[in-house]
C-alpha atoms as a PDB file:
ATOM      1  CA  MET A   1     -12.992   0.918 -25.543  1.00  0.00           C
ATOM      2  CA  GLU A   2      -9.776  -0.428 -24.019  1.00  0.00           C
ATOM      3  CA  ALA A   3      -8.431   3.108 -23.575  1.00  0.00           C
ATOM      4  CA  LEU A   4     -11.544   4.048 -21.622  1.00  0.00           C
ATOM      5  CA  LYS A   5     -11.099   1.012 -19.385  1.00  0.00           C
ATOM      6  CA  ASN A   6      -7.450   1.926 -18.734  1.00  0.00           C
ATOM      7  CA  VAL A   7      -8.428   5.463 -17.736  1.00  0.00           C
ATOM      8  CA  TRP A   8     -11.100   4.334 -15.273  1.00  0.00           C
ATOM      9  CA  GLU A   9      -9.003   1.524 -13.806  1.00  0.00           C
ATOM     10  CA  GLY A  10      -5.787   3.549 -13.625  1.00  0.00           C
ATOM     11  CA  ALA A  11      -3.852   4.188 -10.423  1.00  0.00           C
ATOM     12  CA  ILE A  12      -1.653   6.936  -8.987  1.00  0.00           C
ATOM     13  CA  PRO A  13       1.424   6.241  -6.855  1.00  0.00           C
ATOM     14  CA  LEU A  14       1.295   8.236  -3.606  1.00  0.00           C
ATOM     15  CA  GLN A  15       4.038   8.822  -1.063  1.00  0.00           C
ATOM     16  CA  ILE A  16       2.546   9.852   2.282  1.00  0.00           C
ATOM     17  CA  HIS A  17       4.666  11.169   5.146  1.00  0.00           C
ATOM     18  CA  LEU A  18       3.804  11.628   8.798  1.00  0.00           C
ATOM     19  CA  HIS A  19       4.254  15.289   9.759  1.00  0.00           C
ATOM     20  CA  GLU A  20       7.435  15.820  11.750  1.00  0.00           C
ATOM     21  CA  SER A  21       5.490  17.293  14.687  1.00  0.00           C
ATOM     22  CA  GLU A  22       3.554  14.014  15.011  1.00  0.00           C
ATOM     23  CA  VAL A  23       6.570  11.681  15.082  1.00  0.00           C
ATOM     24  CA  THR A  24       7.280  10.137  18.487  1.00  0.00           C
ATOM     25  CA  THR A  25       9.913   7.568  17.478  1.00  0.00           C
ATOM     26  CA  LEU A  26      13.491   7.607  16.292  1.00  0.00           C
ATOM     27  CA  PRO A  27      14.142   7.083  13.498  1.00  0.00           C
ATOM     28  CA  PRO A  28      10.957   8.536  12.016  1.00  0.00           C
ATOM     29  CA  PRO A  29       8.757   6.101  10.110  1.00  0.00           C
ATOM     30  CA  SER A  30       9.295   5.589   6.421  1.00  0.00           C
ATOM     31  CA  PRO A  31       6.701   7.117   4.105  1.00  0.00           C
ATOM     32  CA  ALA A  32       3.642   5.064   3.229  1.00  0.00           C
ATOM     33  CA  LEU A  33       3.756   4.089  -0.432  1.00  0.00           C
ATOM     34  CA  ILE A  34       0.289   3.484  -1.825  1.00  0.00           C
ATOM     35  CA  LEU A  35      -0.985   2.795  -5.304  1.00  0.00           C
ATOM     36  CA  ALA A  36      -4.307   4.617  -5.114  1.00  0.00           C
ATOM     37  CA  PRO A  37      -7.159   4.437  -7.598  1.00  0.00           C
ATOM     38  CA  ARG A  38      -6.962   7.224 -10.153  1.00  0.00           C
ATOM     39  CA  ILE A  39     -10.490   8.274  -9.300  1.00  0.00           C
ATOM     40  CA  GLY A  40     -10.996   8.216  -5.556  1.00  0.00           C
ATOM     41  CA  TYR A  41     -11.180  10.180  -2.319  1.00  0.00           C
ATOM     42  CA  LEU A  42      -8.452  10.627   0.281  1.00  0.00           C
ATOM     43  CA  PRO A  43     -10.630   9.459   3.210  1.00  0.00           C
ATOM     44  CA  LEU A  44     -10.928   6.061   1.551  1.00  0.00           C
ATOM     45  CA  LEU A  45      -7.159   5.611   1.954  1.00  0.00           C
ATOM     46  CA  VAL A  46      -7.139   6.178   5.724  1.00  0.00           C
ATOM     47  CA  PRO A  47      -7.577   2.452   6.593  1.00  0.00           C
ATOM     48  CA  GLN A  48      -4.408   1.724   4.599  1.00  0.00           C
ATOM     49  CA  ILE A  49      -2.418   4.656   5.990  1.00  0.00           C
ATOM     50  CA  LYS A  50      -3.192   4.544   9.730  1.00  0.00           C
ATOM     51  CA  PRO A  51      -1.685   1.103  10.423  1.00  0.00           C
ATOM     52  CA  HIS A  52       1.554   2.133   8.721  1.00  0.00           C
ATOM     53  CA  PHE A  53       2.066   5.076  11.086  1.00  0.00           C
ATOM     54  CA  SER A  54       0.372   3.726  14.221  1.00  0.00           C
ATOM     55  CA  GLY A  55       3.637   2.896  16.008  1.00  0.00           C
ATOM     56  CA  ALA A  56       5.020   6.419  15.570  1.00  0.00           C
ATOM     57  CA  LEU A  57       1.979   8.473  16.576  1.00  0.00           C
ATOM     58  CA  PRO A  58       1.512  10.156  19.950  1.00  0.00           C
ATOM     59  CA  PRO A  59      -0.776   8.251  22.342  1.00  0.00           C
ATOM     60  CA  GLY A  60      -4.426   8.992  21.641  1.00  0.00           C
ATOM     61  CA  ALA A  61      -3.772  10.592  18.245  1.00  0.00           C
ATOM     62  CA  ASP A  62      -6.605   9.483  16.016  1.00  0.00           C
ATOM     63  CA  THR A  63      -7.267  12.417  13.692  1.00  0.00           C
ATOM     64  CA  VAL A  64      -6.095  12.173  10.098  1.00  0.00           C
ATOM     65  CA  TRP A  65      -5.637  15.165   7.843  1.00  0.00           C
ATOM     66  CA  PHE A  66      -3.798  15.710   4.590  1.00  0.00           C
ATOM     67  CA  ASP A  67      -1.818  18.672   3.359  1.00  0.00           C
ATOM     68  CA  TYR A  68       0.574  19.442   0.565  1.00  0.00           C
ATOM     69  CA  ARG A  69       3.404  21.836   1.410  1.00  0.00           C
ATOM     70  CA  GLY A  70       1.436  23.235   4.321  1.00  0.00           C
ATOM     71  CA  LEU A  71      -1.836  23.723   2.444  1.00  0.00           C
ATOM     72  CA  PRO A  72      -4.720  21.539   3.636  1.00  0.00           C
ATOM     73  CA  LEU A  73      -6.161  19.287   0.947  1.00  0.00           C
ATOM     74  CA  LYS A  74      -9.899  19.162   0.450  1.00  0.00           C
ATOM     75  CA  TRP A  75     -11.130  15.703   1.344  1.00  0.00           C
ATOM     76  CA  TYR A  76     -14.131  15.846  -0.932  1.00  0.00           C
ATOM     77  CA  THR A  77     -12.088  16.549  -4.064  1.00  0.00           C
ATOM     78  CA  VAL A  78     -11.563  13.582  -6.341  1.00  0.00           C
ATOM     79  CA  PHE A  79      -7.869  12.997  -7.001  1.00  0.00           C
END
């Protein structure tokens, strides 16, 4: 039973970078380091990510999207 609990309550370390075309400051911001729930959705992390990058975004930029090596990630897929 404890193993099952550890699986469901596990977490994944994520390193999230702002795309170089979105950076408006020098030096560019450091990556956001987040310990995300093992079973979750990327959109649920946006409130944690946006404040980290807010000072380096272009004025009025409010859209968040995720990709991995240029391929868009599906938001509805559980990670």
